[in-house]
Amino acid sequence: FKARIFRGGYLDVFVNPSKSEIRQVASKKSN
């Protein structure tokens, strides 16, 4: 799902994610 966070914008959230979904959602700045 996409959640609207307090700072504005939407954030991807995965429930019981696959390894590829974990890589997809990881911060590009810090992994």
All heavy atoms as atom14 arrays in JSON, in Angstrom:
{
  "sequence": "FKARIFRGGYLDVFVNPSKSEIRQVASKKSN",
  "atom14_mask": [
    [1, 1, 1, 1, 1, 1, 1, 1, 1, 1, 1, 0, 0, 0],
    [1, 1, 1, 1, 1, 1, 1, 1, 1, 0, 0, 0, 0, 0],
    [1, 1, 1, 1, 1, 0, 0, 0, 0, 0, 0, 0, 0, 0],
    [1, 1, 1, 1, 1, 1, 1, 1, 1, 1, 1, 0, 0, 0],
    [1, 1, 1, 1, 1, 1, 1, 1, 0, 0, 0, 0, 0, 0],
    [1, 1, 1, 1, 1, 1, 1, 1, 1, 1, 1, 0, 0, 0],
    [1, 1, 1, 1, 1, 1, 1, 1, 1, 1, 1, 0, 0, 0],
    [1, 1, 1, 1, 0, 0, 0, 0, 0, 0, 0, 0, 0, 0],
    [1, 1, 1, 1, 0, 0, 0, 0, 0, 0, 0, 0, 0, 0],
    [1, 1, 1, 1, 1, 1, 1, 1, 1, 1, 1, 1, 0, 0],
    [1, 1, 1, 1, 1, 1, 1, 1, 0, 0, 0, 0, 0, 0],
    [1, 1, 1, 1, 1, 1, 1, 1, 0, 0, 0, 0, 0, 0],
    [1, 1, 1, 1, 1, 1, 1, 0, 0, 0, 0, 0, 0, 0],
    [1, 1, 1, 1, 1, 1, 1, 1, 1, 1, 1, 0, 0, 0],
    [1, 1, 1, 1, 1, 1, 1, 0, 0, 0, 0, 0, 0, 0],
    [1, 1, 1, 1, 1, 1, 1, 1, 0, 0, 0, 0, 0, 0],
    [1, 1, 1, 1, 1, 1, 1, 0, 0, 0, 0, 0, 0, 0],
    [1, 1, 1, 1, 1, 1, 0, 0, 0, 0, 0, 0, 0, 0],
    [1, 1, 1, 1, 1, 1, 1, 1, 1, 0, 0, 0, 0, 0],
    [1, 1, 1, 1, 1, 1, 0, 0, 0, 0, 0, 0, 0, 0],
    [1, 1, 1, 1, 1, 1, 1, 1, 1, 0, 0, 0, 0, 0],
    [1, 1, 1, 1, 1, 1, 1, 1, 0, 0, 0, 0, 0, 0],
    [1, 1, 1, 1, 1, 1, 1, 1, 1, 1, 1, 0, 0, 0],
    [1, 1, 1, 1, 1, 1, 1, 1, 1, 0, 0, 0, 0, 0],
    [1, 1, 1, 1, 1, 1, 1, 0, 0, 0, 0, 0, 0, 0],
    [1, 1, 1, 1, 1, 0, 0, 0, 0, 0, 0, 0, 0, 0],
    [1, 1, 1, 1, 1, 1, 0, 0, 0, 0, 0, 0, 0, 0],
    [1, 1, 1, 1, 1, 1, 1, 1, 1, 0, 0, 0, 0, 0],
    [1, 1, 1, 1, 1, 1, 1, 1, 1, 0, 0, 0, 0, 0],
    [1, 1, 1, 1, 1, 1, 0, 0, 0, 0, 0, 0, 0, 0],
    [1, 1, 1, 1, 1, 1, 1, 1, 0, 0, 0, 0, 0, 0]
  ],
  "atom14_positions": [
    [[0.84, -1.19, 0.0], [0.0, 0.0, 0.0], [0.88, 1.24, 0.0], [2.08, 1.17, 0.25], [-0.99, 0.01, 1.17], [-0.39, 0.02, 2.56], [-0.12, 1.22, 3.2], [-0.15, -1.17, 3.24], [0.4, 1.23, 4.49], [0.37, -1.17, 4.52], [0.64, 0.05, 5.15], [0.0, 0.0, 0.0], [0.0, 0.0, 0.0], [0.0, 0.0, 0.0]],
    [[0.27, 2.35, -0.34], [0.95, 3.64, -0.27], [0.32, 4.4, 0.87], [-0.9, 4.5, 0.96], [0.82, 4.42, -1.58], [1.64, 3.82, -2.71], [1.62, 4.73, -3.92], [2.46, 4.18, -5.04], [3.89, 4.22, -4.81], [0.0, 0.0, 0.0], [0.0, 0.0, 0.0], [0.0, 0.0, 0.0], [0.0, 0.0, 0.0], [0.0, 0.0, 0.0]],
    [[1.17, 4.92, 1.75], [0.68, 5.66, 2.91], [1.1, 7.12, 2.78], [2.24, 7.41, 2.47], [1.27, 5.07, 4.18], [0.0, 0.0, 0.0], [0.0, 0.0, 0.0], [0.0, 0.0, 0.0], [0.0, 0.0, 0.0], [0.0, 0.0, 0.0], [0.0, 0.0, 0.0], [0.0, 0.0, 0.0], [0.0, 0.0, 0.0], [0.0, 0.0, 0.0]],
    [[0.16, 8.02, 3.02], [0.5, 9.43, 3.05], [1.13, 9.72, 4.41], [0.52, 9.46, 5.44], [-0.72, 10.31, 2.84], [-0.29, 11.75, 2.53], [-1.43, 12.59, 2.12], [-2.04, 13.09, 3.36], [-3.19, 13.72, 3.43], [-3.9, 13.9, 2.36], [-3.65, 14.14, 4.57], [0.0, 0.0, 0.0], [0.0, 0.0, 0.0], [0.0, 0.0, 0.0]],
    [[2.33, 10.21, 4.41], [3.02, 10.46, 5.66], [2.93, 11.93, 6.04], [2.56, 12.76, 5.23], [4.49, 9.97, 5.61], [5.23, 10.6, 4.44], [4.54, 8.45, 5.51], [6.7, 10.27, 4.38], [0.0, 0.0, 0.0], [0.0, 0.0, 0.0], [0.0, 0.0, 0.0], [0.0, 0.0, 0.0], [0.0, 0.0, 0.0], [0.0, 0.0, 0.0]],
    [[3.27, 12.22, 7.28], [3.09, 13.55, 7.83], [3.88, 14.62, 7.09], [3.48, 15.75, 7.03], [3.47, 13.56, 9.31], [2.65, 12.6, 10.12], [3.22, 11.49, 10.69], [1.29, 12.79, 10.27], [2.46, 10.6, 11.43], [0.52, 11.91, 11.0], [1.1, 10.81, 11.58], [0.0, 0.0, 0.0], [0.0, 0.0, 0.0], [0.0, 0.0, 0.0]],
    [[4.99, 14.27, 6.5], [5.8, 15.24, 5.78], [5.29, 15.47, 4.36], [5.91, 16.16, 3.58], [7.25, 14.76, 5.73], [7.91, 14.76, 7.09], [9.31, 14.26, 6.99], [9.42, 13.18, 7.96], [10.3, 12.23, 7.93], [11.18, 12.17, 6.96], [10.33, 11.31, 8.85], [0.0, 0.0, 0.0], [0.0, 0.0, 0.0], [0.0, 0.0, 0.0]],
    [[4.19, 14.86, 4.04], [3.62, 14.99, 2.69], [4.13, 13.89, 1.8], [5.1, 13.22, 2.08], [0.0, 0.0, 0.0], [0.0, 0.0, 0.0], [0.0, 0.0, 0.0], [0.0, 0.0, 0.0], [0.0, 0.0, 0.0], [0.0, 0.0, 0.0], [0.0, 0.0, 0.0], [0.0, 0.0, 0.0], [0.0, 0.0, 0.0], [0.0, 0.0, 0.0]],
    [[3.43, 13.7, 0.73], [3.83, 12.65, -0.2], [3.38, 11.28, 0.26], [2.81, 11.12, 1.34], [0.0, 0.0, 0.0], [0.0, 0.0, 0.0], [0.0, 0.0, 0.0], [0.0, 0.0, 0.0], [0.0, 0.0, 0.0], [0.0, 0.0, 0.0], [0.0, 0.0, 0.0], [0.0, 0.0, 0.0], [0.0, 0.0, 0.0], [0.0, 0.0, 0.0]],
    [[3.64, 10.32, -0.59], [3.25, 8.94, -0.29], [4.48, 8.07, -0.16], [5.52, 8.33, -0.76], [2.32, 8.39, -1.39], [0.91, 8.87, -1.23], [0.51, 10.1, -1.73], [-0.02, 8.1, -0.55], [-0.79, 10.55, -1.56], [-1.33, 8.53, -0.39], [-1.7, 9.76, -0.9], [-2.98, 10.19, -0.73], [0.0, 0.0, 0.0], [0.0, 0.0, 0.0]],
    [[4.34, 7.04, 0.61], [5.42, 6.12, 0.92], [4.95, 4.7, 0.63], [3.87, 4.3, 1.06], [5.74, 6.26, 2.41], [6.71, 5.29, 3.04], [8.12, 5.57, 2.52], [6.7, 5.46, 4.55], [0.0, 0.0, 0.0], [0.0, 0.0, 0.0], [0.0, 0.0, 0.0], [0.0, 0.0, 0.0], [0.0, 0.0, 0.0], [0.0, 0.0, 0.0]],
    [[5.77, 3.93, -0.11], [5.44, 2.52, -0.35], [5.69, 1.72, 0.92], [6.75, 1.85, 1.55], [6.33, 1.95, -1.46], [5.88, 2.4, -2.83], [4.69, 2.24, -3.14], [6.74, 2.9, -3.59], [0.0, 0.0, 0.0], [0.0, 0.0, 0.0], [0.0, 0.0, 0.0], [0.0, 0.0, 0.0], [0.0, 0.0, 0.0], [0.0, 0.0, 0.0]],
    [[4.73, 0.88, 1.27], [4.85, -0.01, 2.42], [4.5, -1.41, 1.94], [3.46, -1.6, 1.29], [3.9, 0.4, 3.57], [4.03, -0.55, 4.75], [4.15, 1.84, 4.0], [0.0, 0.0, 0.0], [0.0, 0.0, 0.0], [0.0, 0.0, 0.0], [0.0, 0.0, 0.0], [0.0, 0.0, 0.0], [0.0, 0.0, 0.0], [0.0, 0.0, 0.0]],
    [[5.37, -2.37, 2.25], [5.12, -3.76, 1.88], [4.88, -4.58, 3.14], [5.53, -4.37, 4.15], [6.29, -4.35, 1.09], [6.4, -3.82, -0.3], [7.2, -2.73, -0.6], [5.69, -4.41, -1.32], [7.29, -2.23, -1.89], [5.76, -3.93, -2.63], [6.57, -2.84, -2.9], [0.0, 0.0, 0.0], [0.0, 0.0, 0.0], [0.0, 0.0, 0.0]],
    [[3.94, -5.52, 3.04], [3.62, -6.44, 4.13], [4.16, -7.8, 3.74], [3.88, -8.3, 2.65], [2.1, -6.52, 4.36], [1.79, -7.41, 5.55], [1.5, -5.13, 4.54], [0.0, 0.0, 0.0], [0.0, 0.0, 0.0], [0.0, 0.0, 0.0], [0.0, 0.0, 0.0], [0.0, 0.0, 0.0], [0.0, 0.0, 0.0], [0.0, 0.0, 0.0]],
    [[4.95, -8.41, 4.63], [5.58, -9.7, 4.36], [6.2, -9.7, 2.96], [5.82, -10.49, 2.09], [4.58, -10.84, 4.52], [4.09, -10.97, 5.96], [4.67, -10.41, 6.88], [3.03, -11.7, 6.16], [0.0, 0.0, 0.0], [0.0, 0.0, 0.0], [0.0, 0.0, 0.0], [0.0, 0.0, 0.0], [0.0, 0.0, 0.0], [0.0, 0.0, 0.0]],
    [[7.17, -8.81, 2.75], [7.72, -8.58, 1.41], [8.63, -9.69, 0.91], [9.22, -10.43, 1.68], [8.54, -7.3, 1.6], [9.02, -7.42, 3.0], [7.86, -8.01, 3.76], [0.0, 0.0, 0.0], [0.0, 0.0, 0.0], [0.0, 0.0, 0.0], [0.0, 0.0, 0.0], [0.0, 0.0, 0.0], [0.0, 0.0, 0.0], [0.0, 0.0, 0.0]],
    [[8.74, -9.75, -0.4], [9.74, -10.62, -1.03], [11.09, -9.91, -0.94], [11.16, -8.72, -0.63], [9.38, -10.86, -2.5], [9.51, -9.64, -3.22], [0.0, 0.0, 0.0], [0.0, 0.0, 0.0], [0.0, 0.0, 0.0], [0.0, 0.0, 0.0], [0.0, 0.0, 0.0], [0.0, 0.0, 0.0], [0.0, 0.0, 0.0], [0.0, 0.0, 0.0]],
    [[12.16, -10.63, -1.24], [13.5, -10.01, -1.22], [13.58, -8.88, -2.25], [14.2, -7.85, -2.0], [14.58, -11.05, -1.45], [14.76, -11.99, -0.26], [16.03, -12.81, -0.39], [16.16, -13.79, 0.75], [16.52, -13.2, 2.0], [0.0, 0.0, 0.0], [0.0, 0.0, 0.0], [0.0, 0.0, 0.0], [0.0, 0.0, 0.0], [0.0, 0.0, 0.0]],
    [[12.95, -9.05, -3.4], [12.99, -7.98, -4.4], [12.2, -6.76, -3.94], [12.57, -5.63, -4.23], [12.5, -8.48, -5.76], [11.14, -8.81, -5.72], [0.0, 0.0, 0.0], [0.0, 0.0, 0.0], [0.0, 0.0, 0.0], [0.0, 0.0, 0.0], [0.0, 0.0, 0.0], [0.0, 0.0, 0.0], [0.0, 0.0, 0.0], [0.0, 0.0, 0.0]],
    [[11.1, -6.97, -3.22], [10.35, -5.84, -2.68], [11.14, -5.1, -1.6], [11.08, -3.87, -1.52], [8.99, -6.31, -2.14], [8.04, -6.74, -3.24], [6.83, -7.5, -2.75], [6.88, -8.11, -1.65], [5.82, -7.5, -3.48], [0.0, 0.0, 0.0], [0.0, 0.0, 0.0], [0.0, 0.0, 0.0], [0.0, 0.0, 0.0], [0.0, 0.0, 0.0]],
    [[11.91, -5.84, -0.81], [12.77, -5.2, 0.19], [13.8, -4.33, -0.52], [14.03, -3.18, -0.13], [13.44, -6.25, 1.1], [12.4, -6.88, 2.03], [14.59, -5.63, 1.9], [12.89, -8.04, 2.85], [0.0, 0.0, 0.0], [0.0, 0.0, 0.0], [0.0, 0.0, 0.0], [0.0, 0.0, 0.0], [0.0, 0.0, 0.0], [0.0, 0.0, 0.0]],
    [[14.41, -4.85, -1.57], [15.38, -4.05, -2.32], [14.71, -2.84, -2.96], [15.28, -1.74, -3.01], [16.07, -4.91, -3.39], [17.13, -5.84, -2.82], [17.98, -6.5, -3.9], [17.24, -7.38, -4.79], [16.88, -8.63, -4.48], [17.21, -9.15, -3.31], [16.22, -9.37, -5.35], [0.0, 0.0, 0.0], [0.0, 0.0, 0.0], [0.0, 0.0, 0.0]],
    [[13.5, -3.02, -3.44], [12.76, -1.93, -4.08], [12.48, -0.79, -3.11], [12.56, 0.38, -3.47], [11.46, -2.48, -4.66], [10.56, -1.43, -5.29], [9.24, -2.04, -5.75], [9.13, -3.24, -5.97], [8.23, -1.21, -5.87], [0.0, 0.0, 0.0], [0.0, 0.0, 0.0], [0.0, 0.0, 0.0], [0.0, 0.0, 0.0], [0.0, 0.0, 0.0]],
    [[12.13, -1.12, -1.88], [11.71, -0.11, -0.93], [12.89, 0.49, -0.14], [12.75, 1.56, 0.45], [10.64, -0.68, 0.03], [11.24, -1.54, 1.1], [9.8, 0.42, 0.64], [0.0, 0.0, 0.0], [0.0, 0.0, 0.0], [0.0, 0.0, 0.0], [0.0, 0.0, 0.0], [0.0, 0.0, 0.0], [0.0, 0.0, 0.0], [0.0, 0.0, 0.0]],
    [[14.05, -0.13, -0.17], [15.2, 0.35, 0.6], [15.6, 1.76, 0.17], [15.55, 2.11, -1.0], [16.38, -0.6, 0.44], [0.0, 0.0, 0.0], [0.0, 0.0, 0.0], [0.0, 0.0, 0.0], [0.0, 0.0, 0.0], [0.0, 0.0, 0.0], [0.0, 0.0, 0.0], [0.0, 0.0, 0.0], [0.0, 0.0, 0.0], [0.0, 0.0, 0.0]],
    [[16.02, 2.53, 1.14], [16.47, 3.89, 0.9], [17.6, 3.91, -0.12], [18.57, 3.17, 0.0], [16.97, 4.52, 2.2], [17.66, 5.71, 1.94], [0.0, 0.0, 0.0], [0.0, 0.0, 0.0], [0.0, 0.0, 0.0], [0.0, 0.0, 0.0], [0.0, 0.0, 0.0], [0.0, 0.0, 0.0], [0.0, 0.0, 0.0], [0.0, 0.0, 0.0]],
    [[17.46, 4.75, -1.12], [18.52, 4.87, -2.13], [19.75, 5.55, -1.52], [20.86, 5.35, -1.98], [18.03, 5.67, -3.34], [16.79, 5.07, -4.0], [16.93, 3.6, -4.33], [15.66, 3.05, -4.94], [15.21, 1.82, -4.38], [0.0, 0.0, 0.0], [0.0, 0.0, 0.0], [0.0, 0.0, 0.0], [0.0, 0.0, 0.0], [0.0, 0.0, 0.0]],
    [[19.57, 6.33, -0.46], [20.68, 7.03, 0.19], [21.53, 6.09, 1.05], [22.74, 6.18, 1.09], [20.16, 8.15, 1.09], [19.45, 9.25, 0.36], [18.92, 10.27, 1.35], [18.06, 11.3, 0.65], [17.45, 12.23, 1.61], [0.0, 0.0, 0.0], [0.0, 0.0, 0.0], [0.0, 0.0, 0.0], [0.0, 0.0, 0.0], [0.0, 0.0, 0.0]],
    [[20.86, 5.19, 1.78], [21.58, 4.4, 2.79], [21.4, 2.9, 2.67], [21.94, 2.15, 3.47], [21.12, 4.83, 4.18], [19.74, 4.52, 4.36], [0.0, 0.0, 0.0], [0.0, 0.0, 0.0], [0.0, 0.0, 0.0], [0.0, 0.0, 0.0], [0.0, 0.0, 0.0], [0.0, 0.0, 0.0], [0.0, 0.0, 0.0], [0.0, 0.0, 0.0]],
    [[20.6, 2.44, 1.71], [20.3, 1.0, 1.58], [19.61, 0.43, 2.82], [19.82, -0.72, 3.17], [21.57, 0.19, 1.29], [21.83, 0.05, -0.18], [20.96, 0.32, -1.0], [23.02, -0.36, -0.52], [0.0, 0.0, 0.0], [0.0, 0.0, 0.0], [0.0, 0.0, 0.0], [0.0, 0.0, 0.0], [0.0, 0.0, 0.0], [0.0, 0.0, 0.0]]
  ]
}
